[in-house]
Amino acid sequence: KVVFSSTTSTVDWNTRLVTGDAVTEI
């Protein structure tokens, strides 16, 4: 999983956090 958020600081359960531009990363 990938979570896109500028306010979430931690994720778990096979997940990566993206805080930058979602369209660019997608």
mmCIF file of all heavy atoms, coordinates in Angstrom:
data_MODEL
# 
_entry.id   MODEL 
# 
loop_
_atom_site.group_PDB 
_atom_site.id 
_atom_site.type_symbol 
_atom_site.label_atom_id 
_atom_site.label_alt_id 
_atom_site.label_comp_id 
_atom_site.label_asym_id 
_atom_site.label_entity_id 
_atom_site.label_seq_id 
_atom_site.pdbx_PDB_ins_code 
_atom_site.Cartn_x 
_atom_site.Cartn_y 
_atom_site.Cartn_z 
_atom_site.occupancy 
_atom_site.B_iso_or_equiv 
_atom_site.pdbx_formal_charge 
_atom_site.auth_seq_id 
_atom_site.auth_comp_id 
_atom_site.auth_asym_id 
_atom_site.auth_atom_id 
_atom_site.pdbx_PDB_model_num 
ATOM 1   N N   . LYS A 1 1  ? 0.834  -1.198 0.000   1.00 0.00 ? 1  LYS A N   1 
ATOM 2   C CA  . LYS A 1 1  ? 0.000  0.000  0.000   1.00 0.00 ? 1  LYS A CA  1 
ATOM 3   C C   . LYS A 1 1  ? 0.872  1.253  0.000   1.00 0.00 ? 1  LYS A C   1 
ATOM 4   O O   . LYS A 1 1  ? 1.964  1.251  0.547   1.00 0.00 ? 1  LYS A O   1 
ATOM 5   C CB  . LYS A 1 1  ? -0.907 0.011  1.242   1.00 0.00 ? 1  LYS A CB  1 
ATOM 6   C CG  . LYS A 1 1  ? -1.901 -1.140 1.285   1.00 0.00 ? 1  LYS A CG  1 
ATOM 7   C CD  . LYS A 1 1  ? -2.614 -1.258 2.610   1.00 0.00 ? 1  LYS A CD  1 
ATOM 8   C CE  . LYS A 1 1  ? -1.833 -1.907 3.711   1.00 0.00 ? 1  LYS A CE  1 
ATOM 9   N NZ  . LYS A 1 1  ? -1.445 -3.293 3.541   1.00 0.00 ? 1  LYS A NZ  1 
ATOM 10  N N   . VAL A 1 2  ? 0.326  2.307  -0.611  1.00 0.00 ? 2  VAL A N   1 
ATOM 11  C CA  . VAL A 1 2  ? 0.935  3.627  -0.543  1.00 0.00 ? 2  VAL A CA  1 
ATOM 12  C C   . VAL A 1 2  ? -0.145 4.579  -0.043  1.00 0.00 ? 2  VAL A C   1 
ATOM 13  O O   . VAL A 1 2  ? -1.264 4.581  -0.556  1.00 0.00 ? 2  VAL A O   1 
ATOM 14  C CB  . VAL A 1 2  ? 1.450  4.110  -1.922  1.00 0.00 ? 2  VAL A CB  1 
ATOM 15  C CG1 . VAL A 1 2  ? 1.975  5.538  -1.837  1.00 0.00 ? 2  VAL A CG1 1 
ATOM 16  C CG2 . VAL A 1 2  ? 2.534  3.181  -2.445  1.00 0.00 ? 2  VAL A CG2 1 
ATOM 17  N N   . VAL A 1 3  ? 0.176  5.364  0.972   1.00 0.00 ? 3  VAL A N   1 
ATOM 18  C CA  . VAL A 1 3  ? -0.740 6.371  1.498   1.00 0.00 ? 3  VAL A CA  1 
ATOM 19  C C   . VAL A 1 3  ? -0.209 7.741  1.107   1.00 0.00 ? 3  VAL A C   1 
ATOM 20  O O   . VAL A 1 3  ? 0.975  8.044  1.316   1.00 0.00 ? 3  VAL A O   1 
ATOM 21  C CB  . VAL A 1 3  ? -0.869 6.266  3.033   1.00 0.00 ? 3  VAL A CB  1 
ATOM 22  C CG1 . VAL A 1 3  ? -1.694 7.419  3.584   1.00 0.00 ? 3  VAL A CG1 1 
ATOM 23  C CG2 . VAL A 1 3  ? -1.482 4.934  3.416   1.00 0.00 ? 3  VAL A CG2 1 
ATOM 24  N N   . PHE A 1 4  ? -1.094 8.545  0.526   1.00 0.00 ? 4  PHE A N   1 
ATOM 25  C CA  . PHE A 1 4  ? -0.753 9.907  0.133   1.00 0.00 ? 4  PHE A CA  1 
ATOM 26  C C   . PHE A 1 4  ? -1.360 10.857 1.153   1.00 0.00 ? 4  PHE A C   1 
ATOM 27  O O   . PHE A 1 4  ? -2.580 10.942 1.288   1.00 0.00 ? 4  PHE A O   1 
ATOM 28  C CB  . PHE A 1 4  ? -1.314 10.210 -1.263  1.00 0.00 ? 4  PHE A CB  1 
ATOM 29  C CG  . PHE A 1 4  ? -0.668 9.398  -2.341  1.00 0.00 ? 4  PHE A CG  1 
ATOM 30  C CD1 . PHE A 1 4  ? -1.106 8.112  -2.624  1.00 0.00 ? 4  PHE A CD1 1 
ATOM 31  C CD2 . PHE A 1 4  ? 0.395  9.915  -3.075  1.00 0.00 ? 4  PHE A CD2 1 
ATOM 32  C CE1 . PHE A 1 4  ? -0.509 7.356  -3.616  1.00 0.00 ? 4  PHE A CE1 1 
ATOM 33  C CE2 . PHE A 1 4  ? 1.003  9.164  -4.064  1.00 0.00 ? 4  PHE A CE2 1 
ATOM 34  C CZ  . PHE A 1 4  ? 0.548  7.880  -4.328  1.00 0.00 ? 4  PHE A CZ  1 
ATOM 35  N N   . SER A 1 5  ? -0.498 11.553 1.897   1.00 0.00 ? 5  SER A N   1 
ATOM 36  C CA  . SER A 1 5  ? -0.978 12.463 2.928   1.00 0.00 ? 5  SER A CA  1 
ATOM 37  C C   . SER A 1 5  ? 0.114  13.447 3.316   1.00 0.00 ? 5  SER A C   1 
ATOM 38  O O   . SER A 1 5  ? 1.283  13.074 3.421   1.00 0.00 ? 5  SER A O   1 
ATOM 39  C CB  . SER A 1 5  ? -1.412 11.679 4.166   1.00 0.00 ? 5  SER A CB  1 
ATOM 40  O OG  . SER A 1 5  ? -1.770 12.558 5.215   1.00 0.00 ? 5  SER A OG  1 
ATOM 41  N N   . SER A 1 6  ? -0.293 14.675 3.543   1.00 0.00 ? 6  SER A N   1 
ATOM 42  C CA  . SER A 1 6  ? 0.656  15.668 4.054   1.00 0.00 ? 6  SER A CA  1 
ATOM 43  C C   . SER A 1 6  ? 0.506  15.827 5.563   1.00 0.00 ? 6  SER A C   1 
ATOM 44  O O   . SER A 1 6  ? 1.280  16.552 6.182   1.00 0.00 ? 6  SER A O   1 
ATOM 45  C CB  . SER A 1 6  ? 0.430  17.013 3.356   1.00 0.00 ? 6  SER A CB  1 
ATOM 46  O OG  . SER A 1 6  ? -0.897 17.462 3.593   1.00 0.00 ? 6  SER A OG  1 
ATOM 47  N N   . THR A 1 7  ? -0.474 15.145 6.176   1.00 0.00 ? 7  THR A N   1 
ATOM 48  C CA  . THR A 1 7  ? -0.694 15.282 7.618   1.00 0.00 ? 7  THR A CA  1 
ATOM 49  C C   . THR A 1 7  ? -0.416 14.000 8.398   1.00 0.00 ? 7  THR A C   1 
ATOM 50  O O   . THR A 1 7  ? -0.201 14.051 9.600   1.00 0.00 ? 7  THR A O   1 
ATOM 51  C CB  . THR A 1 7  ? -2.138 15.740 7.908   1.00 0.00 ? 7  THR A CB  1 
ATOM 52  O OG1 . THR A 1 7  ? -3.046 14.799 7.346   1.00 0.00 ? 7  THR A OG1 1 
ATOM 53  C CG2 . THR A 1 7  ? -2.396 17.124 7.329   1.00 0.00 ? 7  THR A CG2 1 
ATOM 54  N N   . THR A 1 8  ? -0.430 12.854 7.742   1.00 0.00 ? 8  THR A N   1 
ATOM 55  C CA  . THR A 1 8  ? -0.127 11.588 8.411   1.00 0.00 ? 8  THR A CA  1 
ATOM 56  C C   . THR A 1 8  ? 1.385  11.474 8.559   1.00 0.00 ? 8  THR A C   1 
ATOM 57  O O   . THR A 1 8  ? 2.130  11.808 7.643   1.00 0.00 ? 8  THR A O   1 
ATOM 58  C CB  . THR A 1 8  ? -0.659 10.402 7.575   1.00 0.00 ? 8  THR A CB  1 
ATOM 59  O OG1 . THR A 1 8  ? -2.071 10.563 7.426   1.00 0.00 ? 8  THR A OG1 1 
ATOM 60  C CG2 . THR A 1 8  ? -0.358 9.076  8.222   1.00 0.00 ? 8  THR A CG2 1 
ATOM 61  N N   . SER A 1 9  ? 1.832  10.995 9.722   1.00 0.00 ? 9  SER A N   1 
ATOM 62  C CA  . SER A 1 9  ? 3.282  10.915 9.934   1.00 0.00 ? 9  SER A CA  1 
ATOM 63  C C   . SER A 1 9  ? 3.813  9.484  9.917   1.00 0.00 ? 9  SER A C   1 
ATOM 64  O O   . SER A 1 9  ? 4.993  9.276  9.633   1.00 0.00 ? 9  SER A O   1 
ATOM 65  C CB  . SER A 1 9  ? 3.670  11.609 11.244  1.00 0.00 ? 9  SER A CB  1 
ATOM 66  O OG  . SER A 1 9  ? 2.982  11.018 12.326  1.00 0.00 ? 9  SER A OG  1 
ATOM 67  N N   . THR A 1 10 ? 2.990  8.508  10.234  1.00 0.00 ? 10 THR A N   1 
ATOM 68  C CA  . THR A 1 10 ? 3.462  7.133  10.233  1.00 0.00 ? 10 THR A CA  1 
ATOM 69  C C   . THR A 1 10 ? 2.402  6.215  9.620   1.00 0.00 ? 10 THR A C   1 
ATOM 70  O O   . THR A 1 10 ? 1.203  6.468  9.741   1.00 0.00 ? 10 THR A O   1 
ATOM 71  C CB  . THR A 1 10 ? 3.768  6.620  11.666  1.00 0.00 ? 10 THR A CB  1 
ATOM 72  O OG1 . THR A 1 10 ? 2.589  6.700  12.444  1.00 0.00 ? 10 THR A OG1 1 
ATOM 73  C CG2 . THR A 1 10 ? 4.877  7.425  12.309  1.00 0.00 ? 10 THR A CG2 1 
ATOM 74  N N   . VAL A 1 11 ? 2.882  5.172  8.981   1.00 0.00 ? 11 VAL A N   1 
ATOM 75  C CA  . VAL A 1 11 ? 2.006  4.136  8.425   1.00 0.00 ? 11 VAL A CA  1 
ATOM 76  C C   . VAL A 1 11 ? 2.633  2.789  8.744   1.00 0.00 ? 11 VAL A C   1 
ATOM 77  O O   . VAL A 1 11 ? 3.813  2.703  9.066   1.00 0.00 ? 11 VAL A O   1 
ATOM 78  C CB  . VAL A 1 11 ? 1.804  4.305  6.893   1.00 0.00 ? 11 VAL A CB  1 
ATOM 79  C CG1 . VAL A 1 11 ? 1.031  5.578  6.582   1.00 0.00 ? 11 VAL A CG1 1 
ATOM 80  C CG2 . VAL A 1 11 ? 3.128  4.286  6.148   1.00 0.00 ? 11 VAL A CG2 1 
ATOM 81  N N   . ASP A 1 12 ? 1.833  1.744  8.653   1.00 0.00 ? 12 ASP A N   1 
ATOM 82  C CA  . ASP A 1 12 ? 2.314  0.406  8.974   1.00 0.00 ? 12 ASP A CA  1 
ATOM 83  C C   . ASP A 1 12 ? 1.611  -0.587 8.064   1.00 0.00 ? 12 ASP A C   1 
ATOM 84  O O   . ASP A 1 12 ? 0.878  -0.190 7.165   1.00 0.00 ? 12 ASP A O   1 
ATOM 85  C CB  . ASP A 1 12 ? 1.997  0.094  10.452  1.00 0.00 ? 12 ASP A CB  1 
ATOM 86  C CG  . ASP A 1 12 ? 2.938  -0.935 11.049  1.00 0.00 ? 12 ASP A CG  1 
ATOM 87  O OD1 . ASP A 1 12 ? 3.644  -1.624 10.285  1.00 0.00 ? 12 ASP A OD1 1 
ATOM 88  O OD2 . ASP A 1 12 ? 2.962  -1.072 12.282  1.00 0.00 ? 12 ASP A OD2 1 
ATOM 89  N N   . TRP A 1 13 ? 1.836  -1.866 8.265   1.00 0.00 ? 13 TRP A N   1 
ATOM 90  C CA  . TRP A 1 13 ? 1.164  -2.939 7.549   1.00 0.00 ? 13 TRP A CA  1 
ATOM 91  C C   . TRP A 1 13 ? 1.484  -2.919 6.062   1.00 0.00 ? 13 TRP A C   1 
ATOM 92  O O   . TRP A 1 13 ? 0.604  -2.811 5.222   1.00 0.00 ? 13 TRP A O   1 
ATOM 93  C CB  . TRP A 1 13 ? -0.347 -2.920 7.800   1.00 0.00 ? 13 TRP A CB  1 
ATOM 94  C CG  . TRP A 1 13 ? -0.660 -2.890 9.256   1.00 0.00 ? 13 TRP A CG  1 
ATOM 95  C CD1 . TRP A 1 13 ? -0.469 -3.912 10.139  1.00 0.00 ? 13 TRP A CD1 1 
ATOM 96  C CD2 . TRP A 1 13 ? -1.147 -1.782 10.000  1.00 0.00 ? 13 TRP A CD2 1 
ATOM 97  N NE1 . TRP A 1 13 ? -0.813 -3.492 11.404  1.00 0.00 ? 13 TRP A NE1 1 
ATOM 98  C CE2 . TRP A 1 13 ? -1.232 -2.183 11.342  1.00 0.00 ? 13 TRP A CE2 1 
ATOM 99  C CE3 . TRP A 1 13 ? -1.506 -0.475 9.669   1.00 0.00 ? 13 TRP A CE3 1 
ATOM 100 C CZ2 . TRP A 1 13 ? -1.674 -1.336 12.341  1.00 0.00 ? 13 TRP A CZ2 1 
ATOM 101 C CZ3 . TRP A 1 13 ? -1.944 0.358  10.664  1.00 0.00 ? 13 TRP A CZ3 1 
ATOM 102 C CH2 . TRP A 1 13 ? -2.023 -0.078 11.978  1.00 0.00 ? 13 TRP A CH2 1 
ATOM 103 N N   . ASN A 1 14 ? 2.788  -3.021 5.749   1.00 0.00 ? 14 ASN A N   1 
ATOM 104 C CA  . ASN A 1 14 ? 3.231  -3.123 4.356   1.00 0.00 ? 14 ASN A CA  1 
ATOM 105 C C   . ASN A 1 14 ? 2.865  -1.871 3.559   1.00 0.00 ? 14 ASN A C   1 
ATOM 106 O O   . ASN A 1 14 ? 2.379  -1.959 2.436   1.00 0.00 ? 14 ASN A O   1 
ATOM 107 C CB  . ASN A 1 14 ? 2.663  -4.391 3.701   1.00 0.00 ? 14 ASN A CB  1 
ATOM 108 C CG  . ASN A 1 14 ? 3.458  -4.837 2.504   1.00 0.00 ? 14 ASN A CG  1 
ATOM 109 O OD1 . ASN A 1 14 ? 4.610  -4.451 2.318   1.00 0.00 ? 14 ASN A OD1 1 
ATOM 110 N ND2 . ASN A 1 14 ? 2.847  -5.641 1.664   1.00 0.00 ? 14 ASN A ND2 1 
ATOM 111 N N   . THR A 1 15 ? 3.071  -0.718 4.180   1.00 0.00 ? 15 THR A N   1 
ATOM 112 C CA  . THR A 1 15 ? 2.631  0.563  3.620   1.00 0.00 ? 15 THR A CA  1 
ATOM 113 C C   . THR A 1 15 ? 3.778  1.562  3.585   1.00 0.00 ? 15 THR A C   1 
ATOM 114 O O   . THR A 1 15 ? 4.613  1.594  4.477   1.00 0.00 ? 15 THR A O   1 
ATOM 115 C CB  . THR A 1 15 ? 1.473  1.136  4.466   1.00 0.00 ? 15 THR A CB  1 
ATOM 116 O OG1 . THR A 1 15 ? 0.457  0.145  4.570   1.00 0.00 ? 15 THR A OG1 1 
ATOM 117 C CG2 . THR A 1 15 ? 0.899  2.401  3.870   1.00 0.00 ? 15 THR A CG2 1 
ATOM 118 N N   . ARG A 1 16 ? 3.768  2.376  2.519   1.00 0.00 ? 16 ARG A N   1 
ATOM 119 C CA  . ARG A 1 16 ? 4.732  3.459  2.363   1.00 0.00 ? 16 ARG A CA  1 
ATOM 120 C C   . ARG A 1 16 ? 3.968  4.773  2.325   1.00 0.00 ? 16 ARG A C   1 
ATOM 121 O O   . ARG A 1 16 ? 2.883  4.856  1.742   1.00 0.00 ? 16 ARG A O   1 
ATOM 122 C CB  . ARG A 1 16 ? 5.502  3.245  1.056   1.00 0.00 ? 16 ARG A CB  1 
ATOM 123 C CG  . ARG A 1 16 ? 6.530  4.298  0.726   1.00 0.00 ? 16 ARG A CG  1 
ATOM 124 C CD  . ARG A 1 16 ? 7.373  3.897  -0.485  1.00 0.00 ? 16 ARG A CD  1 
ATOM 125 N NE  . ARG A 1 16 ? 6.628  3.775  -1.726  1.00 0.00 ? 16 ARG A NE  1 
ATOM 126 C CZ  . ARG A 1 16 ? 6.426  4.775  -2.587  1.00 0.00 ? 16 ARG A CZ  1 
ATOM 127 N NH1 . ARG A 1 16 ? 6.885  5.985  -2.332  1.00 0.00 ? 16 ARG A NH1 1 
ATOM 128 N NH2 . ARG A 1 16 ? 5.753  4.565  -3.704  1.00 0.00 ? 16 ARG A NH2 1 
ATOM 129 N N   . LEU A 1 17 ? 4.513  5.814  2.930   1.00 0.00 ? 17 LEU A N   1 
ATOM 130 C CA  . LEU A 1 17 ? 3.897  7.137  2.981   1.00 0.00 ? 17 LEU A CA  1 
ATOM 131 C C   . LEU A 1 17 ? 4.519  8.045  1.935   1.00 0.00 ? 17 LEU A C   1 
ATOM 132 O O   . LEU A 1 17 ? 5.746  8.104  1.805   1.00 0.00 ? 17 LEU A O   1 
ATOM 133 C CB  . LEU A 1 17 ? 4.078  7.744  4.374   1.00 0.00 ? 17 LEU A CB  1 
ATOM 134 C CG  . LEU A 1 17 ? 3.530  9.154  4.595   1.00 0.00 ? 17 LEU A CG  1 
ATOM 135 C CD1 . LEU A 1 17 ? 2.008  9.168  4.450   1.00 0.00 ? 17 LEU A CD1 1 
ATOM 136 C CD2 . LEU A 1 17 ? 3.949  9.661  5.971   1.00 0.00 ? 17 LEU A CD2 1 
ATOM 137 N N   . VAL A 1 18 ? 3.664  8.747  1.173   1.00 0.00 ? 18 VAL A N   1 
ATOM 138 C CA  . VAL A 1 18 ? 4.114  9.748  0.209   1.00 0.00 ? 18 VAL A CA  1 
ATOM 139 C C   . VAL A 1 18 ? 3.514  11.084 0.628   1.00 0.00 ? 18 VAL A C   1 
ATOM 140 O O   . VAL A 1 18 ? 2.286  11.200 0.756   1.00 0.00 ? 18 VAL A O   1 
ATOM 141 C CB  . VAL A 1 18 ? 3.690  9.390  -1.238  1.00 0.00 ? 18 VAL A CB  1 
ATOM 142 C CG1 . VAL A 1 18 ? 4.004  10.532 -2.196  1.00 0.00 ? 18 VAL A CG1 1 
ATOM 143 C CG2 . VAL A 1 18 ? 4.362  8.112  -1.689  1.00 0.00 ? 18 VAL A CG2 1 
ATOM 144 N N   . THR A 1 19 ? 4.368  12.068 0.847   1.00 0.00 ? 19 THR A N   1 
ATOM 145 C CA  . THR A 1 19 ? 3.893  13.386 1.260   1.00 0.00 ? 19 THR A CA  1 
ATOM 146 C C   . THR A 1 19 ? 3.974  14.406 0.123   1.00 0.00 ? 19 THR A C   1 
ATOM 147 O O   . THR A 1 19 ? 3.447  15.498 0.251   1.00 0.00 ? 19 THR A O   1 
ATOM 148 C CB  . THR A 1 19 ? 4.711  13.916 2.457   1.00 0.00 ? 19 THR A CB  1 
ATOM 149 O OG1 . THR A 1 19 ? 6.097  13.963 2.089   1.00 0.00 ? 19 THR A OG1 1 
ATOM 150 C CG2 . THR A 1 19 ? 4.539  13.013 3.671   1.00 0.00 ? 19 THR A CG2 1 
ATOM 151 N N   . GLY A 1 20 ? 4.606  14.039 -0.990  1.00 0.00 ? 20 GLY A N   1 
ATOM 152 C CA  . GLY A 1 20 ? 4.757  14.958 -2.119  1.00 0.00 ? 20 GLY A CA  1 
ATOM 153 C C   . GLY A 1 20 ? 3.570  14.911 -3.060  1.00 0.00 ? 20 GLY A C   1 
ATOM 154 O O   . GLY A 1 20 ? 2.482  14.434 -2.716  1.00 0.00 ? 20 GLY A O   1 
ATOM 155 N N   . ASP A 1 21 ? 3.777  15.378 -4.270  1.00 0.00 ? 21 ASP A N   1 
ATOM 156 C CA  . ASP A 1 21 ? 2.728  15.479 -5.274  1.00 0.00 ? 21 ASP A CA  1 
ATOM 157 C C   . ASP A 1 21 ? 2.214  14.098 -5.679  1.00 0.00 ? 21 ASP A C   1 
ATOM 158 O O   . ASP A 1 21 ? 2.965  13.262 -6.192  1.00 0.00 ? 21 ASP A O   1 
ATOM 159 C CB  . ASP A 1 21 ? 3.251  16.233 -6.499  1.00 0.00 ? 21 ASP A CB  1 
ATOM 160 C CG  . ASP A 1 21 ? 2.181  16.380 -7.552  1.00 0.00 ? 21 ASP A CG  1 
ATOM 161 O OD1 . ASP A 1 21 ? 1.189  17.080 -7.281  1.00 0.00 ? 21 ASP A OD1 1 
ATOM 162 O OD2 . ASP A 1 21 ? 2.326  15.772 -8.632  1.00 0.00 ? 21 ASP A OD2 1 
ATOM 163 N N   . ALA A 1 22 ? 0.925  13.869 -5.462  1.00 0.00 ? 22 ALA A N   1 
ATOM 164 C CA  . ALA A 1 22 ? 0.332  12.552 -5.736  1.00 0.00 ? 22 ALA A CA  1 
ATOM 165 C C   . ALA A 1 22 ? 0.344  12.218 -7.217  1.00 0.00 ? 22 ALA A C   1 
ATOM 166 O O   . ALA A 1 22 ? 0.659  11.091 -7.598  1.00 0.00 ? 22 ALA A O   1 
ATOM 167 C CB  . ALA A 1 22 ? -1.093 12.512 -5.188  1.00 0.00 ? 22 ALA A CB  1 
ATOM 168 N N   . VAL A 1 23 ? 0.000  13.160 -8.069  1.00 0.00 ? 23 VAL A N   1 
ATOM 169 C CA  . VAL A 1 23 ? -0.072 12.888 -9.514  1.00 0.00 ? 23 VAL A CA  1 
ATOM 170 C C   . VAL A 1 23 ? 1.296  12.482 -10.049 1.00 0.00 ? 23 VAL A C   1 
ATOM 171 O O   . VAL A 1 23 ? 1.412  11.529 -10.828 1.00 0.00 ? 23 VAL A O   1 
ATOM 172 C CB  . VAL A 1 23 ? -0.667 14.085 -10.274 1.00 0.00 ? 23 VAL A CB  1 
ATOM 173 C CG1 . VAL A 1 23 ? -0.501 13.930 -11.786 1.00 0.00 ? 23 VAL A CG1 1 
ATOM 174 C CG2 . VAL A 1 23 ? -2.139 14.266 -9.917  1.00 0.00 ? 23 VAL A CG2 1 
ATOM 175 N N   . THR A 1 24 ? 2.329  13.152 -9.612  1.00 0.00 ? 24 THR A N   1 
ATOM 176 C CA  . THR A 1 24 ? 3.687  12.812 -10.044 1.00 0.00 ? 24 THR A CA  1 
ATOM 177 C C   . THR A 1 24 ? 4.047  11.388 -9.618  1.00 0.00 ? 24 THR A C   1 
ATOM 178 O O   . THR A 1 24 ? 4.574  10.603 -10.406 1.00 0.00 ? 24 THR A O   1 
ATOM 179 C CB  . THR A 1 24 ? 4.709  13.813 -9.464  1.00 0.00 ? 24 THR A CB  1 
ATOM 180 O OG1 . THR A 1 24 ? 4.372  15.126 -9.927  1.00 0.00 ? 24 THR A OG1 1 
ATOM 181 C CG2 . THR A 1 24 ? 6.126  13.476 -9.864  1.00 0.00 ? 24 THR A CG2 1 
ATOM 182 N N   . GLU A 1 25 ? 3.747  11.036 -8.374  1.00 0.00 ? 25 GLU A N   1 
ATOM 183 C CA  . GLU A 1 25 ? 4.083  9.698  -7.869  1.00 0.00 ? 25 GLU A CA  1 
ATOM 184 C C   . GLU A 1 25 ? 3.235  8.618  -8.541  1.00 0.00 ? 25 GLU A C   1 
ATOM 185 O O   . GLU A 1 25 ? 3.745  7.551  -8.889  1.00 0.00 ? 25 GLU A O   1 
ATOM 186 C CB  . GLU A 1 25 ? 3.923  9.636  -6.351  1.00 0.00 ? 25 GLU A CB  1 
ATOM 187 C CG  . GLU A 1 25 ? 4.249  8.300  -5.738  1.00 0.00 ? 25 GLU A CG  1 
ATOM 188 C CD  . GLU A 1 25 ? 5.696  7.837  -5.912  1.00 0.00 ? 25 GLU A CD  1 
ATOM 189 O OE1 . GLU A 1 25 ? 6.558  8.610  -6.388  1.00 0.00 ? 25 GLU A OE1 1 
ATOM 190 O OE2 . GLU A 1 25 ? 5.972  6.666  -5.574  1.00 0.00 ? 25 GLU A OE2 1 
ATOM 191 N N   . ILE A 1 26 ? 1.944  8.875  -8.735  1.00 0.00 ? 26 ILE A N   1 
ATOM 192 C CA  . ILE A 1 26 ? 1.089  7.888  -9.398  1.00 0.00 ? 26 ILE A CA  1 
ATOM 193 C C   . ILE A 1 26 ? 1.552  7.666  -10.834 1.00 0.00 ? 26 ILE A C   1 
ATOM 194 O O   . ILE A 1 26 ? 1.593  6.531  -11.313 1.00 0.00 ? 26 ILE A O   1 
ATOM 195 C CB  . ILE A 1 26 ? -0.389 8.306  -9.337  1.00 0.00 ? 26 ILE A CB  1 
ATOM 196 C CG1 . ILE A 1 26 ? -0.875 8.299  -7.879  1.00 0.00 ? 26 ILE A CG1 1 
ATOM 197 C CG2 . ILE A 1 26 ? -1.255 7.385  -10.194 1.00 0.00 ? 26 ILE A CG2 1 
ATOM 198 C CD1 . ILE A 1 26 ? -2.218 8.976  -7.662  1.00 0.00 ? 26 ILE A CD1 1 
# 
